């Protein structure tokens, strides 16, 4: 029987256990027997677990970024610093090339006099 309806009119087998489902929707305060409360609890649990997973992902990303920054600082290679040094060395090389060119011209002038 389910809500007063007999599903086994010919009495071929006893199906009462299969159809004895009683769903109560929001009329009782007992959370175990109230369908709406149970669904609400399940949805709330999913939401809570989703928030926890999101927080863990954000914490993992922050930890990764922190460890990566620390690794880069320990390795001693800073792209900004190396670019600055490269420009400094390029200017120094260019200045030395001009000095060598001036010395060469001076030696050529001296040899031309002799």
N, C-alpha and C. Protein backbone atom coordinates (compact mmCIF):
# COMPACT_ATOMS: atom_id res chain seq x y z
N UNK A 1 0.84 -1.18 0.00
CA UNK A 1 0.00 0.00 0.00
C UNK A 1 0.88 1.24 0.00
N UNK A 2 0.45 2.25 -0.75
CA UNK A 2 1.13 3.54 -0.72
C UNK A 2 0.07 4.61 -0.66
N UNK A 3 0.03 5.30 0.47
CA UNK A 3 -0.96 6.35 0.71
C UNK A 3 -2.38 5.83 0.47
N UNK A 4 -2.66 4.65 0.95
CA UNK A 4 -4.00 4.09 0.86
C UNK A 4 -4.30 3.38 -0.44
N UNK A 5 -3.36 3.33 -1.40
CA UNK A 5 -3.58 2.66 -2.67
C UNK A 5 -2.90 1.31 -2.63
N UNK A 6 -3.62 0.27 -3.01
CA UNK A 6 -3.08 -1.07 -3.02
C UNK A 6 -2.53 -1.37 -4.40
N UNK A 7 -1.23 -1.67 -4.49
CA UNK A 7 -0.60 -1.95 -5.77
C UNK A 7 -0.60 -3.45 -6.09
N UNK A 8 -1.14 -4.23 -5.21
CA UNK A 8 -1.14 -5.67 -5.41
C UNK A 8 -2.57 -6.17 -5.28
N UNK A 9 -3.41 -5.82 -6.25
CA UNK A 9 -4.82 -6.17 -6.18
C UNK A 9 -5.05 -7.68 -6.32
N UNK A 10 -4.23 -8.36 -7.09
CA UNK A 10 -4.41 -9.79 -7.29
C UNK A 10 -3.72 -10.62 -6.23
N UNK A 11 -3.01 -9.97 -5.32
CA UNK A 11 -2.30 -10.62 -4.21
C UNK A 11 -1.34 -11.69 -4.71
N UNK A 12 -0.62 -11.40 -5.85
CA UNK A 12 0.34 -12.36 -6.40
C UNK A 12 1.62 -12.41 -5.57
N UNK A 13 2.00 -11.30 -5.05
CA UNK A 13 3.20 -11.24 -4.23
C UNK A 13 3.04 -10.07 -3.28
N UNK A 14 3.83 -10.05 -2.26
CA UNK A 14 3.74 -8.97 -1.28
C UNK A 14 4.72 -7.87 -1.67
N UNK A 15 4.22 -6.82 -2.27
CA UNK A 15 5.06 -5.68 -2.69
C UNK A 15 4.97 -4.51 -1.72
N UNK A 16 4.43 -4.74 -0.58
CA UNK A 16 4.21 -3.64 0.34
C UNK A 16 5.52 -2.97 0.76
N UNK A 17 6.61 -3.73 0.88
CA UNK A 17 7.91 -3.17 1.25
C UNK A 17 8.47 -2.25 0.19
N UNK A 18 8.17 -2.56 -1.09
CA UNK A 18 8.68 -1.75 -2.19
C UNK A 18 7.93 -0.44 -2.35
N UNK A 19 6.66 -0.42 -1.97
CA UNK A 19 5.85 0.76 -2.19
C UNK A 19 5.53 1.50 -0.90
N UNK A 20 6.19 1.15 0.16
CA UNK A 20 5.92 1.79 1.45
C UNK A 20 6.74 3.05 1.65
N UNK A 21 6.92 3.84 0.61
CA UNK A 21 7.72 5.06 0.69
C UNK A 21 6.80 6.19 1.10
N UNK A 22 7.18 6.87 2.14
CA UNK A 22 6.38 7.98 2.62
C UNK A 22 7.27 9.21 2.65
N UNK A 23 6.97 10.18 1.81
CA UNK A 23 7.77 11.39 1.72
C UNK A 23 6.98 12.53 2.34
N UNK A 24 7.57 13.17 3.30
CA UNK A 24 6.92 14.29 3.98
C UNK A 24 7.60 15.56 3.50
N UNK A 25 6.85 16.51 3.04
CA UNK A 25 7.44 17.73 2.49
C UNK A 25 7.14 18.92 3.38
N UNK A 26 8.06 19.24 4.22
CA UNK A 26 8.03 20.49 4.95
C UNK A 26 7.00 20.64 6.04
N UNK A 27 6.29 19.59 6.44
CA UNK A 27 5.27 19.75 7.46
C UNK A 27 5.76 19.39 8.85
N UNK A 28 6.89 18.72 8.93
CA UNK A 28 7.38 18.30 10.23
C UNK A 28 8.74 18.92 10.50
N UNK A 29 9.07 19.05 11.75
CA UNK A 29 10.34 19.67 12.13
C UNK A 29 11.47 18.67 12.26
N UNK A 30 11.16 17.39 12.23
CA UNK A 30 12.20 16.36 12.35
C UNK A 30 13.02 16.31 11.07
N UNK A 31 14.31 16.68 11.15
CA UNK A 31 15.16 16.78 9.95
C UNK A 31 15.35 15.44 9.26
N UNK A 32 15.26 14.35 9.99
CA UNK A 32 15.47 13.04 9.37
C UNK A 32 14.29 12.61 8.51
N UNK A 33 13.10 13.05 8.84
CA UNK A 33 11.93 12.61 8.08
C UNK A 33 11.39 13.70 7.15
N UNK A 34 11.98 14.86 7.14
CA UNK A 34 11.49 15.97 6.33
C UNK A 34 12.33 16.04 5.05
N UNK A 35 11.69 15.80 3.93
CA UNK A 35 12.38 15.76 2.63
C UNK A 35 13.05 17.09 2.30
N UNK A 36 12.33 18.17 2.50
CA UNK A 36 12.89 19.49 2.18
C UNK A 36 14.11 19.80 3.04
N UNK A 37 14.06 19.45 4.31
CA UNK A 37 15.22 19.68 5.18
C UNK A 37 16.41 18.84 4.75
N UNK A 38 16.15 17.61 4.36
CA UNK A 38 17.25 16.74 3.93
C UNK A 38 17.89 17.27 2.65
N UNK A 39 17.08 17.69 1.68
CA UNK A 39 17.61 18.26 0.43
C UNK A 39 18.38 19.53 0.74
N UNK A 40 17.83 20.36 1.62
CA UNK A 40 18.50 21.60 2.00
C UNK A 40 19.85 21.30 2.65
N UNK A 41 19.90 20.30 3.50
CA UNK A 41 21.17 19.91 4.14
C UNK A 41 22.18 19.41 3.12
N UNK A 42 21.72 18.63 2.15
CA UNK A 42 22.62 18.11 1.11
C UNK A 42 23.17 19.24 0.27
N UNK A 43 22.33 20.17 -0.15
CA UNK A 43 22.77 21.31 -0.96
C UNK A 43 23.73 22.17 -0.15
N UNK A 44 23.40 22.38 1.12
CA UNK A 44 24.30 23.15 1.99
C UNK A 44 25.66 22.50 2.14
N UNK A 45 25.65 21.18 2.27
CA UNK A 45 26.92 20.44 2.39
C UNK A 45 27.74 20.57 1.11
N UNK A 46 27.09 20.48 -0.05
CA UNK A 46 27.81 20.67 -1.32
C UNK A 46 28.42 22.07 -1.40
N UNK A 47 27.64 23.08 -0.99
CA UNK A 47 28.14 24.45 -1.01
C UNK A 47 29.33 24.63 -0.09
N UNK A 48 29.25 24.05 1.09
CA UNK A 48 30.36 24.13 2.04
C UNK A 48 31.60 23.46 1.49
N UNK A 49 31.43 22.28 0.94
CA UNK A 49 32.58 21.57 0.36
C UNK A 49 33.16 22.33 -0.83
N UNK A 50 32.29 22.96 -1.63
CA UNK A 50 32.78 23.76 -2.75
C UNK A 50 33.59 24.94 -2.28
N UNK A 51 33.13 25.62 -1.22
CA UNK A 51 33.88 26.75 -0.67
C UNK A 51 35.22 26.31 -0.11
N UNK A 52 35.24 25.18 0.56
CA UNK A 52 36.49 24.66 1.12
C UNK A 52 37.46 24.33 -0.01
N UNK A 53 36.96 23.71 -1.08
CA UNK A 53 37.83 23.37 -2.22
C UNK A 53 38.37 24.62 -2.88
N UNK A 54 37.54 25.65 -3.01
CA UNK A 54 37.99 26.91 -3.61
C UNK A 54 39.07 27.55 -2.75
N UNK A 55 38.86 27.58 -1.44
CA UNK A 55 39.86 28.15 -0.53
C UNK A 55 41.17 27.37 -0.60
N UNK A 56 41.09 26.04 -0.66
CA UNK A 56 42.30 25.24 -0.75
C UNK A 56 43.04 25.51 -2.05
N UNK A 57 42.31 25.68 -3.14
CA UNK A 57 42.94 25.98 -4.43
C UNK A 57 43.63 27.34 -4.39
N UNK A 58 42.97 28.33 -3.80
CA UNK A 58 43.57 29.67 -3.69
C UNK A 58 44.81 29.63 -2.80
N UNK A 59 44.73 28.90 -1.68
CA UNK A 59 45.89 28.78 -0.79
C UNK A 59 47.04 28.06 -1.48
N UNK A 60 46.73 27.03 -2.25
CA UNK A 60 47.77 26.31 -2.97
C UNK A 60 48.45 27.20 -4.00
N UNK A 61 47.66 28.02 -4.70
CA UNK A 61 48.23 28.92 -5.69
C UNK A 61 49.12 29.97 -5.03
N UNK A 62 48.68 30.51 -3.89
CA UNK A 62 49.48 31.50 -3.17
C UNK A 62 50.78 30.87 -2.67
N UNK A 63 50.70 29.65 -2.17
CA UNK A 63 51.89 28.95 -1.70
C UNK A 63 52.85 28.69 -2.86
N UNK A 64 52.32 28.27 -4.00
CA UNK A 64 53.16 28.04 -5.17
C UNK A 64 53.88 29.31 -5.59
N UNK A 65 53.13 30.42 -5.66
CA UNK A 65 53.74 31.70 -6.06
C UNK A 65 54.81 32.13 -5.07
N UNK A 66 54.56 31.95 -3.79
CA UNK A 66 55.53 32.31 -2.76
C UNK A 66 56.80 31.47 -2.88
N UNK A 67 56.61 30.17 -3.06
CA UNK A 67 57.78 29.29 -3.20
C UNK A 67 58.55 29.58 -4.48
N UNK A 68 57.84 29.89 -5.56
CA UNK A 68 58.50 30.21 -6.82
C UNK A 68 59.31 31.50 -6.69
N UNK A 69 58.74 32.52 -6.03
CA UNK A 69 59.47 33.77 -5.80
C UNK A 69 60.71 33.52 -4.95
N UNK A 70 60.57 32.68 -3.95
CA UNK A 70 61.72 32.35 -3.09
C UNK A 70 62.79 31.61 -3.87
N UNK A 71 62.38 30.69 -4.73
CA UNK A 71 63.34 29.95 -5.54
C UNK A 71 64.11 30.90 -6.46
N UNK A 72 63.39 31.83 -7.07
CA UNK A 72 64.06 32.78 -7.96
C UNK A 72 65.01 33.69 -7.19
N UNK A 73 64.66 34.07 -5.97
CA UNK A 73 65.56 34.93 -5.20
C UNK A 73 66.80 34.18 -4.75
N UNK A 74 66.67 32.91 -4.49
CA UNK A 74 67.83 32.10 -4.08
C UNK A 74 68.74 31.81 -5.27
N UNK A 75 68.14 31.60 -6.44
CA UNK A 75 68.97 31.26 -7.60
C UNK A 75 69.85 32.43 -8.02
N UNK A 76 69.52 33.65 -7.61
CA UNK A 76 70.37 34.80 -7.88
C UNK A 76 70.19 35.40 -9.26
N UNK A 77 69.24 34.95 -10.02
CA UNK A 77 69.03 35.48 -11.36
C UNK A 77 67.80 36.37 -11.34
N UNK A 78 68.04 37.67 -11.61
CA UNK A 78 66.95 38.61 -11.72
C UNK A 78 67.00 39.20 -13.13
N UNK A 79 65.95 39.02 -13.87
CA UNK A 79 65.93 39.47 -15.26
C UNK A 79 66.13 40.98 -15.35
N UNK A 80 65.51 41.73 -14.45
CA UNK A 80 65.65 43.18 -14.47
C UNK A 80 67.11 43.59 -14.21
N UNK A 81 67.71 42.95 -13.21
CA UNK A 81 69.10 43.27 -12.87
C UNK A 81 70.04 42.89 -14.01
N UNK A 82 69.83 41.73 -14.59
CA UNK A 82 70.70 41.28 -15.68
C UNK A 82 70.54 42.17 -16.92
N UNK A 83 69.33 42.66 -17.19
CA UNK A 83 69.12 43.57 -18.32
C UNK A 83 69.85 44.89 -18.08
N UNK A 84 69.76 45.39 -16.85
CA UNK A 84 70.49 46.62 -16.51
C UNK A 84 71.99 46.45 -16.67
N UNK A 85 72.53 45.31 -16.21
CA UNK A 85 73.97 45.04 -16.36
C UNK A 85 74.36 44.94 -17.82
N UNK A 86 73.51 44.30 -18.62
CA UNK A 86 73.80 44.16 -20.05
C UNK A 86 73.91 45.52 -20.72
N UNK A 87 73.02 46.42 -20.39
CA UNK A 87 73.07 47.77 -20.96
C UNK A 87 74.33 48.50 -20.49
N UNK A 88 74.69 48.35 -19.23
CA UNK A 88 75.91 48.97 -18.70
C UNK A 88 77.14 48.45 -19.42
N UNK A 89 77.24 47.14 -19.59
CA UNK A 89 78.40 46.55 -20.27
C UNK A 89 78.45 46.95 -21.74
N UNK A 90 77.29 47.07 -22.37
CA UNK A 90 77.26 47.48 -23.77
C UNK A 90 77.79 48.91 -23.92
N UNK A 91 77.38 49.80 -23.02
CA UNK A 91 77.89 51.18 -23.05
C UNK A 91 79.39 51.23 -22.78
N UNK A 92 79.86 50.41 -21.83
CA UNK A 92 81.30 50.37 -21.53
C UNK A 92 82.08 49.85 -22.73
N UNK A 93 81.58 48.83 -23.39
CA UNK A 93 82.24 48.29 -24.58
C UNK A 93 82.31 49.34 -25.68
N UNK A 94 81.21 50.06 -25.88
CA UNK A 94 81.17 51.11 -26.90
C UNK A 94 82.18 52.21 -26.58
N UNK A 95 82.30 52.60 -25.31
CA UNK A 95 83.27 53.62 -24.91
C UNK A 95 84.69 53.13 -25.12
N UNK A 96 84.96 51.87 -24.79
CA UNK A 96 86.30 51.31 -25.02
C UNK A 96 86.63 51.23 -26.50
N UNK A 97 85.63 50.93 -27.31
CA UNK A 97 85.86 50.89 -28.76
C UNK A 97 86.25 52.27 -29.28
N UNK A 98 85.62 53.32 -28.75
CA UNK A 98 85.98 54.68 -29.16
C UNK A 98 87.40 55.03 -28.71
N UNK A 99 87.78 54.60 -27.50
CA UNK A 99 89.14 54.85 -27.01
C UNK A 99 90.14 54.14 -27.91
N UNK A 100 89.87 52.89 -28.25
CA UNK A 100 90.79 52.13 -29.12
C UNK A 100 90.88 52.79 -30.50
N UNK A 101 89.77 53.30 -30.98
CA UNK A 101 89.77 53.98 -32.28
C UNK A 101 90.61 55.26 -32.20
N UNK A 102 90.51 56.00 -31.11
CA UNK A 102 91.30 57.22 -30.93
C UNK A 102 92.78 56.88 -30.83
N UNK A 103 93.12 55.80 -30.12
CA UNK A 103 94.53 55.39 -30.01
C UNK A 103 95.06 54.98 -31.38
N UNK A 104 94.24 54.24 -32.15
CA UNK A 104 94.66 53.82 -33.49
C UNK A 104 94.92 55.03 -34.38
N UNK A 105 94.04 56.01 -34.33
CA UNK A 105 94.23 57.22 -35.13
C UNK A 105 95.49 57.97 -34.71
N UNK A 106 95.74 58.02 -33.41
CA UNK A 106 96.93 58.70 -32.90
C UNK A 106 98.19 57.97 -33.37
N UNK A 107 98.19 56.65 -33.30
CA UNK A 107 99.37 55.89 -33.76
C UNK A 107 99.55 56.06 -35.28
N UNK A 108 98.47 56.10 -36.03
CA UNK A 108 98.57 56.29 -37.47
C UNK A 108 99.16 57.69 -37.78
N UNK A 109 98.74 58.66 -36.99
CA UNK A 109 99.26 60.02 -37.19
C UNK A 109 100.75 60.08 -36.85
N UNK A 110 101.16 59.40 -35.77
CA UNK A 110 102.57 59.39 -35.39
C UNK A 110 103.40 58.68 -36.46
N UNK A 111 102.90 57.55 -36.95
CA UNK A 111 103.63 56.81 -37.99
C UNK A 111 103.69 57.61 -39.29
N UNK A 112 102.67 58.41 -39.53
CA UNK A 112 102.65 59.23 -40.72
C UNK A 112 103.68 60.35 -40.65
N UNK A 113 103.95 60.82 -39.47
CA UNK A 113 104.95 61.86 -39.28
C UNK A 113 106.34 61.29 -39.47
N UNK A 114 106.56 60.10 -39.03
CA UNK A 114 107.88 59.50 -39.12
C UNK A 114 108.14 59.12 -40.52
